[in-house]
All heavy atoms as atom14 arrays in JSON, in Angstrom:
{
  "sequence": "LPSLDKCPIAVGKPVNHPELRHCFQLLDTARESDPDATHWIES",
  "atom14_mask": [
    [1, 1, 1, 1, 1, 1, 1, 1, 0, 0, 0, 0, 0, 0],
    [1, 1, 1, 1, 1, 1, 1, 0, 0, 0, 0, 0, 0, 0],
    [1, 1, 1, 1, 1, 1, 0, 0, 0, 0, 0, 0, 0, 0],
    [1, 1, 1, 1, 1, 1, 1, 1, 0, 0, 0, 0, 0, 0],
    [1, 1, 1, 1, 1, 1, 1, 1, 0, 0, 0, 0, 0, 0],
    [1, 1, 1, 1, 1, 1, 1, 1, 1, 0, 0, 0, 0, 0],
    [1, 1, 1, 1, 1, 1, 0, 0, 0, 0, 0, 0, 0, 0],
    [1, 1, 1, 1, 1, 1, 1, 0, 0, 0, 0, 0, 0, 0],
    [1, 1, 1, 1, 1, 1, 1, 1, 0, 0, 0, 0, 0, 0],
    [1, 1, 1, 1, 1, 0, 0, 0, 0, 0, 0, 0, 0, 0],
    [1, 1, 1, 1, 1, 1, 1, 0, 0, 0, 0, 0, 0, 0],
    [1, 1, 1, 1, 0, 0, 0, 0, 0, 0, 0, 0, 0, 0],
    [1, 1, 1, 1, 1, 1, 1, 1, 1, 0, 0, 0, 0, 0],
    [1, 1, 1, 1, 1, 1, 1, 0, 0, 0, 0, 0, 0, 0],
    [1, 1, 1, 1, 1, 1, 1, 0, 0, 0, 0, 0, 0, 0],
    [1, 1, 1, 1, 1, 1, 1, 1, 0, 0, 0, 0, 0, 0],
    [1, 1, 1, 1, 1, 1, 1, 1, 1, 1, 0, 0, 0, 0],
    [1, 1, 1, 1, 1, 1, 1, 0, 0, 0, 0, 0, 0, 0],
    [1, 1, 1, 1, 1, 1, 1, 1, 1, 0, 0, 0, 0, 0],
    [1, 1, 1, 1, 1, 1, 1, 1, 0, 0, 0, 0, 0, 0],
    [1, 1, 1, 1, 1, 1, 1, 1, 1, 1, 1, 0, 0, 0],
    [1, 1, 1, 1, 1, 1, 1, 1, 1, 1, 0, 0, 0, 0],
    [1, 1, 1, 1, 1, 1, 0, 0, 0, 0, 0, 0, 0, 0],
    [1, 1, 1, 1, 1, 1, 1, 1, 1, 1, 1, 0, 0, 0],
    [1, 1, 1, 1, 1, 1, 1, 1, 1, 0, 0, 0, 0, 0],
    [1, 1, 1, 1, 1, 1, 1, 1, 0, 0, 0, 0, 0, 0],
    [1, 1, 1, 1, 1, 1, 1, 1, 0, 0, 0, 0, 0, 0],
    [1, 1, 1, 1, 1, 1, 1, 1, 0, 0, 0, 0, 0, 0],
    [1, 1, 1, 1, 1, 1, 1, 0, 0, 0, 0, 0, 0, 0],
    [1, 1, 1, 1, 1, 0, 0, 0, 0, 0, 0, 0, 0, 0],
    [1, 1, 1, 1, 1, 1, 1, 1, 1, 1, 1, 0, 0, 0],
    [1, 1, 1, 1, 1, 1, 1, 1, 1, 0, 0, 0, 0, 0],
    [1, 1, 1, 1, 1, 1, 0, 0, 0, 0, 0, 0, 0, 0],
    [1, 1, 1, 1, 1, 1, 1, 1, 0, 0, 0, 0, 0, 0],
    [1, 1, 1, 1, 1, 1, 1, 0, 0, 0, 0, 0, 0, 0],
    [1, 1, 1, 1, 1, 1, 1, 1, 0, 0, 0, 0, 0, 0],
    [1, 1, 1, 1, 1, 0, 0, 0, 0, 0, 0, 0, 0, 0],
    [1, 1, 1, 1, 1, 1, 1, 0, 0, 0, 0, 0, 0, 0],
    [1, 1, 1, 1, 1, 1, 1, 1, 1, 1, 0, 0, 0, 0],
    [1, 1, 1, 1, 1, 1, 1, 1, 1, 1, 1, 1, 1, 1],
    [1, 1, 1, 1, 1, 1, 1, 1, 0, 0, 0, 0, 0, 0],
    [1, 1, 1, 1, 1, 1, 1, 1, 1, 0, 0, 0, 0, 0],
    [1, 1, 1, 1, 1, 1, 0, 0, 0, 0, 0, 0, 0, 0]
  ],
  "atom14_positions": [
    [[90.97, 107.39, 86.92], [90.36, 108.37, 86.12], [89.47, 107.8, 85.08], [89.92, 106.71, 84.46], [91.48, 109.22, 85.36], [92.42, 110.0, 86.23], [93.57, 110.53, 85.34], [91.76, 111.1, 87.01], [0.0, 0.0, 0.0], [0.0, 0.0, 0.0], [0.0, 0.0, 0.0], [0.0, 0.0, 0.0], [0.0, 0.0, 0.0], [0.0, 0.0, 0.0]],
    [[88.38, 108.26, 84.79], [87.49, 107.81, 83.7], [88.05, 108.27, 82.43], [88.75, 109.25, 82.32], [86.1, 108.42, 83.97], [86.45, 109.65, 84.69], [87.71, 109.45, 85.54], [0.0, 0.0, 0.0], [0.0, 0.0, 0.0], [0.0, 0.0, 0.0], [0.0, 0.0, 0.0], [0.0, 0.0, 0.0], [0.0, 0.0, 0.0], [0.0, 0.0, 0.0]],
    [[87.68, 107.55, 81.32], [88.18, 107.88, 80.0], [87.36, 109.14, 79.39], [86.18, 109.09, 79.56], [88.07, 106.73, 79.04], [88.41, 107.14, 77.83], [0.0, 0.0, 0.0], [0.0, 0.0, 0.0], [0.0, 0.0, 0.0], [0.0, 0.0, 0.0], [0.0, 0.0, 0.0], [0.0, 0.0, 0.0], [0.0, 0.0, 0.0], [0.0, 0.0, 0.0]],
    [[88.04, 110.16, 78.95], [87.46, 111.33, 78.33], [88.06, 111.54, 77.01], [89.28, 111.74, 76.94], [87.53, 112.61, 79.21], [86.82, 112.59, 80.55], [87.14, 113.94, 81.3], [85.39, 112.49, 80.36], [0.0, 0.0, 0.0], [0.0, 0.0, 0.0], [0.0, 0.0, 0.0], [0.0, 0.0, 0.0], [0.0, 0.0, 0.0], [0.0, 0.0, 0.0]],
    [[87.17, 111.63, 75.96], [87.76, 111.88, 74.53], [88.51, 113.15, 74.44], [89.52, 113.2, 73.81], [86.6, 111.73, 73.6], [86.02, 110.43, 73.47], [86.64, 109.49, 73.82], [84.82, 110.35, 72.98], [0.0, 0.0, 0.0], [0.0, 0.0, 0.0], [0.0, 0.0, 0.0], [0.0, 0.0, 0.0], [0.0, 0.0, 0.0], [0.0, 0.0, 0.0]],
    [[88.11, 114.13, 75.22], [88.77, 115.44, 75.09], [89.97, 115.58, 75.94], [90.74, 116.55, 75.8], [87.76, 116.63, 75.41], [87.23, 116.53, 76.83], [86.3, 117.66, 77.1], [85.73, 117.61, 78.58], [84.85, 118.84, 78.82], [0.0, 0.0, 0.0], [0.0, 0.0, 0.0], [0.0, 0.0, 0.0], [0.0, 0.0, 0.0], [0.0, 0.0, 0.0]],
    [[90.18, 114.6, 76.86], [91.39, 114.56, 77.76], [91.99, 113.24, 77.77], [91.97, 112.5, 78.71], [90.98, 114.98, 79.11], [90.21, 116.63, 79.32], [0.0, 0.0, 0.0], [0.0, 0.0, 0.0], [0.0, 0.0, 0.0], [0.0, 0.0, 0.0], [0.0, 0.0, 0.0], [0.0, 0.0, 0.0], [0.0, 0.0, 0.0], [0.0, 0.0, 0.0]],
    [[92.61, 112.75, 76.59], [93.11, 111.44, 76.46], [94.28, 111.33, 77.41], [95.07, 112.22, 77.7], [93.52, 111.31, 75.1], [93.72, 112.64, 74.64], [92.75, 113.48, 75.33], [0.0, 0.0, 0.0], [0.0, 0.0, 0.0], [0.0, 0.0, 0.0], [0.0, 0.0, 0.0], [0.0, 0.0, 0.0], [0.0, 0.0, 0.0], [0.0, 0.0, 0.0]],
    [[94.52, 110.11, 77.88], [95.87, 109.78, 78.75], [96.74, 109.1, 77.77], [96.51, 107.9, 77.34], [95.4, 108.84, 79.84], [94.3, 109.51, 80.89], [96.63, 108.55, 80.76], [93.75, 108.57, 81.87], [0.0, 0.0, 0.0], [0.0, 0.0, 0.0], [0.0, 0.0, 0.0], [0.0, 0.0, 0.0], [0.0, 0.0, 0.0], [0.0, 0.0, 0.0]],
    [[97.93, 109.82, 77.49], [98.85, 109.4, 76.61], [100.29, 109.25, 77.27], [100.56, 110.15, 78.05], [98.93, 110.19, 75.44], [0.0, 0.0, 0.0], [0.0, 0.0, 0.0], [0.0, 0.0, 0.0], [0.0, 0.0, 0.0], [0.0, 0.0, 0.0], [0.0, 0.0, 0.0], [0.0, 0.0, 0.0], [0.0, 0.0, 0.0], [0.0, 0.0, 0.0]],
    [[101.06, 108.27, 76.94], [102.37, 108.18, 77.42], [103.24, 109.22, 76.96], [103.2, 109.63, 75.74], [102.97, 106.74, 77.12], [104.46, 106.68, 77.51], [102.15, 105.63, 77.71], [0.0, 0.0, 0.0], [0.0, 0.0, 0.0], [0.0, 0.0, 0.0], [0.0, 0.0, 0.0], [0.0, 0.0, 0.0], [0.0, 0.0, 0.0], [0.0, 0.0, 0.0]],
    [[104.04, 109.88, 77.77], [105.02, 110.97, 77.43], [104.26, 112.28, 77.21], [104.93, 113.18, 76.61], [0.0, 0.0, 0.0], [0.0, 0.0, 0.0], [0.0, 0.0, 0.0], [0.0, 0.0, 0.0], [0.0, 0.0, 0.0], [0.0, 0.0, 0.0], [0.0, 0.0, 0.0], [0.0, 0.0, 0.0], [0.0, 0.0, 0.0], [0.0, 0.0, 0.0]],
    [[103.09, 112.42, 77.74], [102.41, 113.69, 77.61], [101.65, 114.1, 78.89], [101.35, 113.22, 79.7], [101.4, 113.71, 76.44], [101.99, 113.5, 75.03], [100.9, 113.46, 73.92], [101.5, 113.31, 72.62], [100.46, 113.38, 71.52], [0.0, 0.0, 0.0], [0.0, 0.0, 0.0], [0.0, 0.0, 0.0], [0.0, 0.0, 0.0], [0.0, 0.0, 0.0]],
    [[101.5, 115.41, 79.08], [100.75, 115.86, 80.27], [99.35, 115.34, 80.18], [98.66, 115.2, 79.17], [100.81, 117.29, 80.21], [101.99, 117.73, 79.33], [101.91, 116.59, 78.24], [0.0, 0.0, 0.0], [0.0, 0.0, 0.0], [0.0, 0.0, 0.0], [0.0, 0.0, 0.0], [0.0, 0.0, 0.0], [0.0, 0.0, 0.0], [0.0, 0.0, 0.0]],
    [[98.7, 114.96, 81.48], [97.34, 114.56, 81.57], [96.5, 115.71, 82.01], [96.77, 116.25, 83.1], [97.19, 113.34, 82.66], [95.84, 112.92, 82.7], [98.16, 112.22, 82.2], [0.0, 0.0, 0.0], [0.0, 0.0, 0.0], [0.0, 0.0, 0.0], [0.0, 0.0, 0.0], [0.0, 0.0, 0.0], [0.0, 0.0, 0.0], [0.0, 0.0, 0.0]],
    [[95.71, 116.2, 81.08], [95.0, 117.42, 81.4], [93.54, 117.08, 81.88], [92.55, 117.81, 81.52], [94.86, 118.35, 80.12], [96.25, 118.77, 79.78], [96.99, 119.31, 80.63], [96.53, 118.75, 78.51], [0.0, 0.0, 0.0], [0.0, 0.0, 0.0], [0.0, 0.0, 0.0], [0.0, 0.0, 0.0], [0.0, 0.0, 0.0], [0.0, 0.0, 0.0]],
    [[93.43, 115.94, 82.53], [92.03, 115.52, 83.0], [91.63, 116.36, 84.21], [92.44, 116.49, 85.16], [92.23, 113.99, 83.41], [90.94, 113.4, 83.38], [89.88, 113.58, 84.29], [90.43, 112.21, 82.61], [88.85, 112.75, 84.03], [89.2, 111.94, 82.99], [0.0, 0.0, 0.0], [0.0, 0.0, 0.0], [0.0, 0.0, 0.0], [0.0, 0.0, 0.0]],
    [[90.46, 116.94, 84.16], [89.98, 117.74, 85.34], [89.9, 116.97, 86.61], [90.21, 117.57, 87.67], [88.53, 118.23, 84.83], [88.07, 117.23, 83.84], [89.36, 116.8, 83.06], [0.0, 0.0, 0.0], [0.0, 0.0, 0.0], [0.0, 0.0, 0.0], [0.0, 0.0, 0.0], [0.0, 0.0, 0.0], [0.0, 0.0, 0.0], [0.0, 0.0, 0.0]],
    [[89.68, 115.77, 86.6], [89.48, 114.98, 87.77], [90.86, 114.71, 88.46], [91.02, 114.63, 89.73], [88.78, 113.65, 87.64], [87.37, 113.84, 87.22], [86.47, 112.58, 87.28], [87.03, 111.55, 87.66], [85.37, 112.56, 86.78], [0.0, 0.0, 0.0], [0.0, 0.0, 0.0], [0.0, 0.0, 0.0], [0.0, 0.0, 0.0], [0.0, 0.0, 0.0]],
    [[92.0, 114.65, 87.65], [93.34, 114.48, 88.25], [93.68, 115.73, 89.05], [94.2, 115.46, 90.1], [94.36, 114.41, 87.1], [95.78, 114.2, 87.37], [95.98, 112.86, 88.22], [96.7, 114.25, 86.24], [0.0, 0.0, 0.0], [0.0, 0.0, 0.0], [0.0, 0.0, 0.0], [0.0, 0.0, 0.0], [0.0, 0.0, 0.0], [0.0, 0.0, 0.0]],
    [[93.3, 116.96, 88.63], [93.6, 118.15, 89.46], [92.95, 118.09, 90.86], [93.51, 118.43, 91.78], [93.2, 119.38, 88.72], [94.0, 119.6, 87.42], [93.75, 121.06, 86.84], [92.43, 121.25, 86.42], [92.0, 120.99, 85.19], [92.82, 120.49, 84.31], [90.65, 121.26, 84.89], [0.0, 0.0, 0.0], [0.0, 0.0, 0.0], [0.0, 0.0, 0.0]],
    [[91.65, 117.61, 90.86], [90.89, 117.46, 92.08], [91.57, 116.43, 93.0], [91.71, 116.72, 94.19], [89.48, 117.09, 91.87], [88.71, 118.23, 90.97], [87.58, 117.88, 90.27], [88.88, 119.53, 90.95], [87.09, 118.97, 89.85], [87.91, 119.97, 90.11], [0.0, 0.0, 0.0], [0.0, 0.0, 0.0], [0.0, 0.0, 0.0], [0.0, 0.0, 0.0]],
    [[91.97, 115.36, 92.39], [92.55, 114.36, 93.22], [93.91, 114.72, 93.72], [94.45, 114.32, 94.91], [92.81, 113.1, 92.35], [91.19, 112.12, 91.9], [0.0, 0.0, 0.0], [0.0, 0.0, 0.0], [0.0, 0.0, 0.0], [0.0, 0.0, 0.0], [0.0, 0.0, 0.0], [0.0, 0.0, 0.0], [0.0, 0.0, 0.0], [0.0, 0.0, 0.0]],
    [[94.74, 115.44, 92.86], [96.03, 116.01, 93.33], [95.82, 116.97, 94.44], [96.74, 117.12, 95.36], [96.72, 116.72, 92.12], [97.62, 115.75, 91.4], [97.57, 114.32, 91.58], [98.53, 116.19, 90.43], [98.33, 113.45, 90.82], [99.39, 115.29, 89.8], [99.26, 113.95, 89.9], [0.0, 0.0, 0.0], [0.0, 0.0, 0.0], [0.0, 0.0, 0.0]],
    [[94.81, 117.76, 94.44], [94.64, 118.72, 95.51], [94.45, 118.05, 96.8], [94.95, 118.41, 97.86], [93.38, 119.65, 95.18], [93.55, 120.61, 94.15], [92.35, 121.39, 93.65], [91.23, 121.03, 94.27], [92.36, 122.2, 92.72], [0.0, 0.0, 0.0], [0.0, 0.0, 0.0], [0.0, 0.0, 0.0], [0.0, 0.0, 0.0], [0.0, 0.0, 0.0]],
    [[93.65, 116.94, 96.81], [93.51, 116.18, 98.03], [94.77, 115.57, 98.55], [95.17, 115.54, 99.67], [92.48, 115.06, 97.79], [92.15, 114.15, 98.96], [91.82, 114.82, 100.3], [91.03, 113.17, 98.6], [0.0, 0.0, 0.0], [0.0, 0.0, 0.0], [0.0, 0.0, 0.0], [0.0, 0.0, 0.0], [0.0, 0.0, 0.0], [0.0, 0.0, 0.0]],
    [[95.6, 114.92, 97.48], [96.76, 114.33, 97.79], [97.77, 115.25, 98.32], [98.51, 114.96, 99.26], [97.25, 113.62, 96.61], [98.53, 112.65, 96.6], [98.32, 111.62, 97.64], [98.95, 112.14, 95.35], [0.0, 0.0, 0.0], [0.0, 0.0, 0.0], [0.0, 0.0, 0.0], [0.0, 0.0, 0.0], [0.0, 0.0, 0.0], [0.0, 0.0, 0.0]],
    [[97.87, 116.45, 97.77], [98.79, 117.42, 98.28], [98.51, 117.81, 99.67], [99.45, 117.94, 100.53], [98.72, 118.68, 97.4], [99.4, 118.51, 96.04], [100.19, 117.52, 95.85], [99.19, 119.33, 95.08], [0.0, 0.0, 0.0], [0.0, 0.0, 0.0], [0.0, 0.0, 0.0], [0.0, 0.0, 0.0], [0.0, 0.0, 0.0], [0.0, 0.0, 0.0]],
    [[97.28, 117.98, 99.97], [96.85, 118.39, 101.4], [97.19, 117.23, 102.37], [97.66, 117.43, 103.51], [95.34, 118.71, 101.42], [94.99, 119.7, 100.48], [94.96, 119.2, 102.86], [0.0, 0.0, 0.0], [0.0, 0.0, 0.0], [0.0, 0.0, 0.0], [0.0, 0.0, 0.0], [0.0, 0.0, 0.0], [0.0, 0.0, 0.0], [0.0, 0.0, 0.0]],
    [[96.99, 116.05, 101.92], [97.28, 114.92, 102.89], [98.76, 114.84, 103.08], [99.26, 114.57, 104.23], [96.83, 113.56, 102.1], [0.0, 0.0, 0.0], [0.0, 0.0, 0.0], [0.0, 0.0, 0.0], [0.0, 0.0, 0.0], [0.0, 0.0, 0.0], [0.0, 0.0, 0.0], [0.0, 0.0, 0.0], [0.0, 0.0, 0.0], [0.0, 0.0, 0.0]],
    [[99.66, 115.07, 102.05], [101.1, 115.06, 102.23], [101.49, 116.26, 103.11], [102.53, 116.08, 103.79], [101.81, 114.96, 100.89], [101.37, 113.73, 100.02], [102.0, 113.8, 98.63], [103.47, 113.84, 98.69], [104.19, 113.98, 97.62], [103.7, 114.04, 96.51], [105.59, 113.88, 97.63], [0.0, 0.0, 0.0], [0.0, 0.0, 0.0], [0.0, 0.0, 0.0]],
    [[100.86, 117.41, 102.98], [101.31, 118.42, 103.71], [100.9, 118.12, 105.22], [101.76, 118.55, 106.23], [100.54, 119.82, 103.36], [101.06, 120.27, 101.97], [100.13, 121.44, 101.47], [99.13, 121.84, 102.16], [100.46, 121.91, 100.29], [0.0, 0.0, 0.0], [0.0, 0.0, 0.0], [0.0, 0.0, 0.0], [0.0, 0.0, 0.0], [0.0, 0.0, 0.0]],
    [[99.84, 117.56, 105.51], [99.48, 117.21, 106.85], [100.37, 116.05, 107.44], [100.62, 116.03, 108.63], [98.06, 116.89, 106.91], [97.57, 116.32, 108.13], [0.0, 0.0, 0.0], [0.0, 0.0, 0.0], [0.0, 0.0, 0.0], [0.0, 0.0, 0.0], [0.0, 0.0, 0.0], [0.0, 0.0, 0.0], [0.0, 0.0, 0.0], [0.0, 0.0, 0.0]],
    [[100.64, 115.15, 106.61], [101.46, 113.96, 107.03], [102.36, 113.55, 105.87], [101.9, 113.04, 104.79], [100.52, 112.77, 107.34], [101.32, 111.5, 107.77], [102.54, 111.6, 107.98], [100.68, 110.54, 108.01], [0.0, 0.0, 0.0], [0.0, 0.0, 0.0], [0.0, 0.0, 0.0], [0.0, 0.0, 0.0], [0.0, 0.0, 0.0], [0.0, 0.0, 0.0]],
    [[103.71, 113.74, 105.99], [104.67, 113.38, 104.93], [104.59, 111.89, 104.47], [104.98, 111.54, 103.41], [106.07, 113.69, 105.58], [105.7, 114.81, 106.57], [104.42, 114.48, 107.1], [0.0, 0.0, 0.0], [0.0, 0.0, 0.0], [0.0, 0.0, 0.0], [0.0, 0.0, 0.0], [0.0, 0.0, 0.0], [0.0, 0.0, 0.0], [0.0, 0.0, 0.0]],
    [[104.06, 111.06, 105.38], [104.02, 109.65, 105.07], [102.61, 109.19, 104.56], [102.24, 108.09, 104.51], [104.27, 108.79, 106.29], [105.66, 108.97, 106.79], [106.58, 109.09, 105.96], [106.02, 108.92, 107.99], [0.0, 0.0, 0.0], [0.0, 0.0, 0.0], [0.0, 0.0, 0.0], [0.0, 0.0, 0.0], [0.0, 0.0, 0.0], [0.0, 0.0, 0.0]],
    [[101.85, 110.19, 104.11], [100.5, 109.89, 103.74], [100.44, 108.91, 102.53], [99.53, 108.19, 102.4], [99.73, 111.25, 103.29], [0.0, 0.0, 0.0], [0.0, 0.0, 0.0], [0.0, 0.0, 0.0], [0.0, 0.0, 0.0], [0.0, 0.0, 0.0], [0.0, 0.0, 0.0], [0.0, 0.0, 0.0], [0.0, 0.0, 0.0], [0.0, 0.0, 0.0]],
    [[101.4, 109.02, 101.6], [101.34, 108.12, 100.5], [101.57, 106.63, 100.95], [101.23, 105.75, 100.07], [102.53, 108.54, 99.49], [103.76, 108.58, 100.21], [102.27, 109.83, 98.87], [0.0, 0.0, 0.0], [0.0, 0.0, 0.0], [0.0, 0.0, 0.0], [0.0, 0.0, 0.0], [0.0, 0.0, 0.0], [0.0, 0.0, 0.0], [0.0, 0.0, 0.0]],
    [[102.03, 106.37, 102.12], [102.12, 105.07, 102.55], [100.8, 104.54, 103.07], [100.67, 103.28, 103.24], [103.22, 104.89, 103.63], [104.63, 105.12, 103.1], [105.43, 104.13, 102.59], [105.36, 106.31, 103.05], [106.55, 104.63, 102.11], [106.55, 105.93, 102.48], [0.0, 0.0, 0.0], [0.0, 0.0, 0.0], [0.0, 0.0, 0.0], [0.0, 0.0, 0.0]],
    [[99.9, 105.34, 103.52], [98.6, 104.8, 103.95], [97.42, 105.09, 103.12], [96.26, 104.72, 103.28], [98.24, 105.26, 105.41], [98.26, 106.77, 105.66], [99.33, 107.46, 106.18], [97.19, 107.7, 105.41], [98.98, 108.83, 106.31], [97.68, 108.95, 105.85], [95.94, 107.55, 104.96], [96.85, 110.04, 105.72], [95.1, 108.67, 104.88], [95.58, 110.01, 105.27]],
    [[97.69, 105.79, 101.96], [96.59, 106.11, 101.02], [96.75, 104.95, 99.9], [97.74, 104.99, 99.28], [96.71, 107.55, 100.43], [96.48, 108.58, 101.44], [95.66, 107.69, 99.33], [96.56, 109.9, 101.07], [0.0, 0.0, 0.0], [0.0, 0.0, 0.0], [0.0, 0.0, 0.0], [0.0, 0.0, 0.0], [0.0, 0.0, 0.0], [0.0, 0.0, 0.0]],
    [[95.68, 104.21, 99.66], [95.76, 103.3, 98.66], [95.37, 103.85, 97.28], [96.04, 103.66, 96.19], [94.73, 102.06, 99.04], [94.56, 101.06, 97.89], [95.8, 100.33, 97.53], [96.74, 100.21, 98.38], [95.89, 99.72, 96.34], [0.0, 0.0, 0.0], [0.0, 0.0, 0.0], [0.0, 0.0, 0.0], [0.0, 0.0, 0.0], [0.0, 0.0, 0.0]],
    [[94.12, 104.65, 97.31], [93.72, 105.16, 95.99], [92.85, 106.33, 96.2], [92.28, 106.54, 97.3], [92.97, 104.14, 95.25], [91.8, 103.67, 95.83], [0.0, 0.0, 0.0], [0.0, 0.0, 0.0], [0.0, 0.0, 0.0], [0.0, 0.0, 0.0], [0.0, 0.0, 0.0], [0.0, 0.0, 0.0], [0.0, 0.0, 0.0], [0.0, 0.0, 0.0]]
  ]
}
């Protein structure tokens, strides 16, 4: 994730970064298609 002043990444708080939602959508789809997707996805 790139650094955004309006969406800081802080420990112990939700990350409201817009790019995180897009990445999660792709990751969710990959896991639905293959439960082992997290083992072959690097980044």
